[in-house]
Amino acid sequence: MSSLKPLISIRDADFEFENAPVKIVASRNCPEIELVGLKVGPFEEGREYEVRFWVARELEKAGIGRFREEELLDAVKLHKIHWKERVQSVTQVSALPENFYPKLRRYLASLKEKAMKNAEKMREYEKTVKLSRDIVDVRLKKIVSLSSFSAKTDQVLENLTKEERILHDRLHQIISGWRSNILKEEGKP
């Protein structure tokens, strides 16, 4: 049962991300749109608006708006993150863009969808998956290492994402308990 907590928290983080405000730029004029319990617009071509992520995705699909560049991940941003993680020591964790993991999951899903329609895009998708896994693996090794330290600074931990902080806290608790039990003197509880 305890192994489900990180999954639930990742799902919660994803839900928060879907409902978080993002900036879009209107691609064309559009009157106000009324959804169940929510009104968006009207939109004027070229103007910037703030809407929930899920609304922005639907507006993009409908050709009404597009995400601002800084709201999304792309290959260039991933390569920069990868390089930064690789050059730092095991005790250093760099800050990731806000909502990195939800953005990464959506970026990979988008690339996979394009790759299914266009065989040439498959190579790009596979390279991006490999790069993403490497970023996750490097950060995971750092989190495991940090979790085993008794003393740690808040400065290091503040660079962990919500999802990583949950993992770190759980690992730290497990490792501390294990270490405490291993070092107990024989016959003493």
C-alpha atoms as a PDB file:
ATOM      1  CA  MET A   1       0.000   0.000   0.000  1.00  0.00           C
ATOM      2  CA  SER A   2       2.804   2.448   0.865  1.00  0.00           C
ATOM      3  CA  SER A   3       4.283   2.133  -2.634  1.00  0.00           C
ATOM      4  CA  LEU A   4       1.165   3.837  -4.052  1.00  0.00           C
ATOM      5  CA  LYS A   5       1.805   7.199  -2.380  1.00  0.00           C
ATOM      6  CA  PRO A   6       4.271   8.503  -5.011  1.00  0.00           C
ATOM      7  CA  LEU A   7       1.946   7.406  -7.817  1.00  0.00           C
ATOM      8  CA  ILE A   8      -1.002   9.167  -6.230  1.00  0.00           C
ATOM      9  CA  SER A   9       1.116  12.264  -5.717  1.00  0.00           C
ATOM     10  CA  ILE A  10       2.308  12.213  -9.323  1.00  0.00           C
ATOM     11  CA  ARG A  11      -1.299  11.924 -10.427  1.00  0.00           C
ATOM     12  CA  ASP A  12      -2.171  14.834  -8.109  1.00  0.00           C
ATOM     13  CA  ALA A  13       0.676  16.909  -9.548  1.00  0.00           C
ATOM     14  CA  ASP A  14      -0.590  16.118 -13.037  1.00  0.00           C
ATOM     15  CA  PHE A  15      -4.116  17.196 -12.082  1.00  0.00           C
ATOM     16  CA  GLU A  16      -2.757  20.460 -10.641  1.00  0.00           C
ATOM     17  CA  PHE A  17      -0.782  21.033 -13.829  1.00  0.00           C
ATOM     18  CA  GLU A  18      -3.807  20.452 -16.065  1.00  0.00           C
ATOM     19  CA  ASN A  19      -5.680  23.128 -14.124  1.00  0.00           C
ATOM     20  CA  ALA A  20      -2.810  25.586 -13.724  1.00  0.00           C
ATOM     21  CA  PRO A  21      -2.902  28.879 -15.645  1.00  0.00           C
ATOM     22  CA  VAL A  22      -0.743  29.149 -18.771  1.00  0.00           C
ATOM     23  CA  LYS A  23      -0.256  31.879 -21.333  1.00  0.00           C
ATOM     24  CA  ILE A  24      -1.473  31.513 -24.894  1.00  0.00           C
ATOM     25  CA  VAL A  25      -1.488  33.807 -27.887  1.00  0.00           C
ATOM     26  CA  ALA A  26      -4.684  33.956 -29.916  1.00  0.00           C
ATOM     27  CA  SER A  27      -4.160  32.711 -33.465  1.00  0.00           C
ATOM     28  CA  ARG A  28      -7.423  34.223 -34.681  1.00  0.00           C
ATOM     29  CA  ASN A  29     -10.392  36.198 -33.463  1.00  0.00           C
ATOM     30  CA  CYS A  30     -12.999  34.147 -31.639  1.00  0.00           C
ATOM     31  CA  PRO A  31     -16.110  35.066 -29.669  1.00  0.00           C
ATOM     32  CA  GLU A  32     -16.574  34.010 -26.066  1.00  0.00           C
ATOM     33  CA  ILE A  33     -16.841  30.254 -25.617  1.00  0.00           C
ATOM     34  CA  GLU A  34     -19.057  28.916 -22.867  1.00  0.00           C
ATOM     35  CA  LEU A  35     -18.185  25.557 -21.362  1.00  0.00           C
ATOM     36  CA  VAL A  36     -19.913  23.856 -18.467  1.00  0.00           C
ATOM     37  CA  GLY A  37     -19.317  26.301 -15.626  1.00  0.00           C
ATOM     38  CA  LEU A  38     -16.548  28.149 -17.442  1.00  0.00           C
ATOM     39  CA  LYS A  39     -16.387  30.968 -19.972  1.00  0.00           C
ATOM     40  CA  VAL A  40     -13.274  31.759 -22.021  1.00  0.00           C
ATOM     41  CA  GLY A  41     -12.668  34.548 -24.475  1.00  0.00           C
ATOM     42  CA  PRO A  42     -13.477  36.449 -26.487  1.00  0.00           C
ATOM     43  CA  PHE A  43     -10.091  36.199 -28.189  1.00  0.00           C
ATOM     44  CA  GLU A  44      -8.442  38.779 -30.387  1.00  0.00           C
ATOM     45  CA  GLU A  45      -5.759  37.582 -32.822  1.00  0.00           C
ATOM     46  CA  GLY A  46      -2.214  38.271 -31.605  1.00  0.00           C
ATOM     47  CA  ARG A  47      -3.186  39.082 -28.015  1.00  0.00           C
ATOM     48  CA  GLU A  48      -2.006  37.102 -25.037  1.00  0.00           C
ATOM     49  CA  TYR A  49      -4.406  35.395 -22.625  1.00  0.00           C
ATOM     50  CA  GLU A  50      -4.130  33.306 -19.484  1.00  0.00           C
ATOM     51  CA  VAL A  51      -6.230  30.129 -19.361  1.00  0.00           C
ATOM     52  CA  ARG A  52      -5.986  26.727 -17.710  1.00  0.00           C
ATOM     53  CA  PHE A  53      -3.628  24.281 -19.408  1.00  0.00           C
ATOM     54  CA  TRP A  54      -6.387  21.907 -20.510  1.00  0.00           C
ATOM     55  CA  VAL A  55      -8.321  24.817 -22.020  1.00  0.00           C
ATOM     56  CA  ALA A  56      -5.191  26.032 -23.827  1.00  0.00           C
ATOM     57  CA  ARG A  57      -4.666  22.555 -25.292  1.00  0.00           C
ATOM     58  CA  GLU A  58      -8.232  22.507 -26.623  1.00  0.00           C
ATOM     59  CA  LEU A  59      -7.894  26.041 -28.028  1.00  0.00           C
ATOM     60  CA  GLU A  60      -4.702  24.956 -29.778  1.00  0.00           C
ATOM     61  CA  LYS A  61      -6.413  21.901 -31.283  1.00  0.00           C
ATOM     62  CA  ALA A  62      -9.204  24.166 -32.543  1.00  0.00           C
ATOM     63  CA  GLY A  63      -6.694  26.584 -34.076  1.00  0.00           C
ATOM     64  CA  ILE A  64      -7.824  29.429 -31.832  1.00  0.00           C
ATOM     65  CA  GLY A  65      -4.612  29.832 -29.854  1.00  0.00           C
ATOM     66  CA  ARG A  66      -1.084  28.591 -29.396  1.00  0.00           C
ATOM     67  CA  PHE A  67       1.062  28.113 -26.329  1.00  0.00           C
ATOM     68  CA  ARG A  68       3.745  30.665 -25.642  1.00  0.00           C
ATOM     69  CA  GLU A  69       7.202  29.229 -26.234  1.00  0.00           C
ATOM     70  CA  GLU A  70       8.212  29.296 -22.566  1.00  0.00           C
ATOM     71  CA  GLU A  71       5.160  27.253 -21.550  1.00  0.00           C
ATOM     72  CA  LEU A  72       6.367  24.105 -23.340  1.00  0.00           C
ATOM     73  CA  LEU A  73       9.390  21.825 -23.438  1.00  0.00           C
ATOM     74  CA  ASP A  74      11.340  21.215 -26.614  1.00  0.00           C
ATOM     75  CA  ALA A  75      14.504  19.408 -27.689  1.00  0.00           C
ATOM     76  CA  VAL A  76      16.746  22.443 -27.101  1.00  0.00           C
ATOM     77  CA  LYS A  77      15.518  22.879 -23.529  1.00  0.00           C
ATOM     78  CA  LEU A  78      15.916  19.154 -22.843  1.00  0.00           C
ATOM     79  CA  HIS A  79      19.502  19.165 -24.136  1.00  0.00           C
ATOM     80  CA  LYS A  80      20.362  22.104 -21.859  1.00  0.00           C
ATOM     81  CA  ILE A  81      18.838  20.349 -18.857  1.00  0.00           C
ATOM     82  CA  HIS A  82      20.690  17.137 -19.731  1.00  0.00           C
ATOM     83  CA  TRP A  83      24.031  18.894 -20.077  1.00  0.00           C
ATOM     84  CA  LYS A  84      23.581  20.742 -16.786  1.00  0.00           C
ATOM     85  CA  GLU A  85      22.700  17.561 -14.902  1.00  0.00           C
ATOM     86  CA  ARG A  86      25.645  15.635 -16.342  1.00  0.00           C
ATOM     87  CA  VAL A  87      28.293  18.230 -15.421  1.00  0.00           C
ATOM     88  CA  GLN A  88      27.211  18.601 -11.805  1.00  0.00           C
ATOM     89  CA  SER A  89      28.423  16.394  -9.006  1.00  0.00           C
ATOM     90  CA  VAL A  90      26.240  13.766  -7.388  1.00  0.00           C
ATOM     91  CA  THR A  91      25.533  16.132  -4.484  1.00  0.00           C
ATOM     92  CA  GLN A  92      24.314  18.946  -6.740  1.00  0.00           C
ATOM     93  CA  VAL A  93      20.848  19.052  -8.215  1.00  0.00           C
ATOM     94  CA  SER A  94      19.956  21.796 -10.634  1.00  0.00           C
ATOM     95  CA  ALA A  95      16.567  23.447 -10.623  1.00  0.00           C
ATOM     96  CA  LEU A  96      14.226  22.216 -13.338  1.00  0.00           C
ATOM     97  CA  PRO A  97      11.635  24.357 -15.102  1.00  0.00           C
ATOM     98  CA  GLU A  98       8.373  24.596 -13.204  1.00  0.00           C
ATOM     99  CA  ASN A  99       6.145  21.567 -13.825  1.00  0.00           C
ATOM    100  CA  PHE A 100       8.977  19.802 -15.633  1.00  0.00           C
ATOM    101  CA  TYR A 101       7.640  16.245 -15.372  1.00  0.00           C
ATOM    102  CA  PRO A 102       4.057  16.983 -16.472  1.00  0.00           C
ATOM    103  CA  LYS A 103       5.463  19.021 -19.377  1.00  0.00           C
ATOM    104  CA  LEU A 104       7.877  16.212 -20.240  1.00  0.00           C
ATOM    105  CA  ARG A 105       5.102  13.605 -20.285  1.00  0.00           C
ATOM    106  CA  ARG A 106       3.023  15.768 -22.601  1.00  0.00           C
ATOM    107  CA  TYR A 107       5.980  16.562 -24.851  1.00  0.00           C
ATOM    108  CA  LEU A 108       6.793  12.856 -25.220  1.00  0.00           C
ATOM    109  CA  ALA A 109       3.133  12.017 -25.881  1.00  0.00           C
ATOM    110  CA  SER A 110       2.987  14.719 -28.561  1.00  0.00           C
ATOM    111  CA  LEU A 111       6.165  13.422 -30.233  1.00  0.00           C
ATOM    112  CA  LYS A 112       4.867   9.855 -30.098  1.00  0.00           C
ATOM    113  CA  GLU A 113       1.601  10.917 -31.728  1.00  0.00           C
ATOM    114  CA  LYS A 114       3.542  12.656 -34.525  1.00  0.00           C
ATOM    115  CA  ALA A 115       5.831   9.632 -34.898  1.00  0.00           C
ATOM    116  CA  MET A 116       2.839   7.337 -35.379  1.00  0.00           C
ATOM    117  CA  LYS A 117       1.716   9.471 -38.307  1.00  0.00           C
ATOM    118  CA  ASN A 118       5.159  10.125 -39.774  1.00  0.00           C
ATOM    119  CA  ALA A 119       7.912   7.478 -39.752  1.00  0.00           C
ATOM    120  CA  GLU A 120      10.624  10.161 -40.015  1.00  0.00           C
ATOM    121  CA  LYS A 121       9.515  11.571 -36.660  1.00  0.00           C
ATOM    122  CA  MET A 122      10.069   8.184 -34.978  1.00  0.00           C
ATOM    123  CA  ARG A 123      13.814   8.758 -34.795  1.00  0.00           C
ATOM    124  CA  GLU A 124      13.291  12.147 -33.116  1.00  0.00           C
ATOM    125  CA  TYR A 125      10.874  10.556 -30.653  1.00  0.00           C
ATOM    126  CA  GLU A 126      13.306   7.721 -29.819  1.00  0.00           C
ATOM    127  CA  LYS A 127      16.199  10.165 -29.289  1.00  0.00           C
ATOM    128  CA  THR A 128      14.038  12.309 -27.028  1.00  0.00           C
ATOM    129  CA  VAL A 129      12.916   9.302 -24.973  1.00  0.00           C
ATOM    130  CA  LYS A 130      16.569   8.266 -24.526  1.00  0.00           C
ATOM    131  CA  LEU A 131      17.575  11.788 -23.500  1.00  0.00           C
ATOM    132  CA  SER A 132      14.616  12.036 -21.102  1.00  0.00           C
ATOM    133  CA  ARG A 133      15.443   8.692 -19.503  1.00  0.00           C
ATOM    134  CA  ASP A 134      19.022   9.801 -19.018  1.00  0.00           C
ATOM    135  CA  ILE A 135      17.890  13.010 -17.290  1.00  0.00           C
ATOM    136  CA  VAL A 136      15.556  11.014 -15.028  1.00  0.00           C
ATOM    137  CA  ASP A 137      18.250   8.404 -14.276  1.00  0.00           C
ATOM    138  CA  VAL A 138      20.893  11.018 -13.409  1.00  0.00           C
ATOM    139  CA  ARG A 139      18.471  12.854 -11.138  1.00  0.00           C
ATOM    140  CA  LEU A 140      17.308   9.589  -9.583  1.00  0.00           C
ATOM    141  CA  LYS A 141      20.894   8.652  -8.682  1.00  0.00           C
ATOM    142  CA  LYS A 142      21.324  12.063  -7.072  1.00  0.00           C
ATOM    143  CA  ILE A 143      18.073  11.719  -5.141  1.00  0.00           C
ATOM    144  CA  VAL A 144      19.061   8.278  -3.847  1.00  0.00           C
ATOM    145  CA  SER A 145      22.443   9.645  -2.807  1.00  0.00           C
ATOM    146  CA  LEU A 146      20.910  12.692  -1.099  1.00  0.00           C
ATOM    147  CA  SER A 147      18.346  10.477   0.638  1.00  0.00           C
ATOM    148  CA  SER A 148      21.092   8.485   2.336  1.00  0.00           C
ATOM    149  CA  PHE A 149      22.747  11.538   3.923  1.00  0.00           C
ATOM    150  CA  SER A 150      21.722  12.245   7.507  1.00  0.00           C
ATOM    151  CA  ALA A 151      22.355  15.956   7.189  1.00  0.00           C
ATOM    152  CA  LYS A 152      21.252  17.879   4.136  1.00  0.00           C
ATOM    153  CA  THR A 153      20.698  21.484   3.298  1.00  0.00           C
ATOM    154  CA  ASP A 154      17.405  23.012   2.277  1.00  0.00           C
ATOM    155  CA  GLN A 155      19.304  24.739  -0.533  1.00  0.00           C
ATOM    156  CA  VAL A 156      19.914  21.384  -2.239  1.00  0.00           C
ATOM    157  CA  LEU A 157      16.392  20.105  -1.592  1.00  0.00           C
ATOM    158  CA  GLU A 158      14.708  23.239  -2.943  1.00  0.00           C
ATOM    159  CA  ASN A 159      15.875  22.288  -6.443  1.00  0.00           C
ATOM    160  CA  LEU A 160      13.861  19.066  -6.335  1.00  0.00           C
ATOM    161  CA  THR A 161      10.490  19.008  -8.072  1.00  0.00           C
ATOM    162  CA  LYS A 162       7.331  18.041  -6.147  1.00  0.00           C
ATOM    163  CA  GLU A 163       7.574  14.503  -7.488  1.00  0.00           C
ATOM    164  CA  GLU A 164      11.262  14.221  -6.615  1.00  0.00           C
ATOM    165  CA  ARG A 165      10.719  15.619  -3.123  1.00  0.00           C
ATOM    166  CA  ILE A 166       8.117  12.927  -2.422  1.00  0.00           C
ATOM    167  CA  LEU A 167      10.558  10.240  -3.566  1.00  0.00           C
ATOM    168  CA  HIS A 168      13.412  11.785  -1.561  1.00  0.00           C
ATOM    169  CA  ASP A 169      11.366  11.981   1.631  1.00  0.00           C
ATOM    170  CA  ARG A 170      10.187   8.373   1.325  1.00  0.00           C
ATOM    171  CA  LEU A 171      13.691   7.074   0.557  1.00  0.00           C
ATOM    172  CA  HIS A 172      15.198   9.103   3.405  1.00  0.00           C
ATOM    173  CA  GLN A 173      12.642   7.642   5.816  1.00  0.00           C
ATOM    174  CA  ILE A 174      13.330   4.080   4.627  1.00  0.00           C
ATOM    175  CA  ILE A 175      17.129   4.487   4.687  1.00  0.00           C
ATOM    176  CA  SER A 176      17.127   6.155   8.110  1.00  0.00           C
ATOM    177  CA  GLY A 177      14.978   3.368   9.552  1.00  0.00           C
ATOM    178  CA  TRP A 178      17.148   0.699   7.978  1.00  0.00           C
ATOM    179  CA  ARG A 179      20.361   2.363   9.201  1.00  0.00           C
ATOM    180  CA  SER A 180      18.925   2.684  12.709  1.00  0.00           C
ATOM    181  CA  ASN A 181      17.937  -1.004  12.812  1.00  0.00           C
ATOM    182  CA  ILE A 182      21.288  -2.170  11.426  1.00  0.00           C
ATOM    183  CA  LEU A 183      23.243  -0.238  14.036  1.00  0.00           C
ATOM    184  CA  LYS A 184      21.216  -1.386  17.043  1.00  0.00           C
ATOM    185  CA  GLU A 185      23.222  -3.306  19.565  1.00  0.00           C
ATOM    186  CA  GLU A 186      22.408  -7.021  19.735  1.00  0.00           C
ATOM    187  CA  GLY A 187      19.569  -7.841  22.068  1.00  0.00           C
ATOM    188  CA  LYS A 188      18.424  -4.243  22.406  1.00  0.00           C
ATOM    189  CA  PRO A 189      15.251  -3.010  20.703  1.00  0.00           C
END
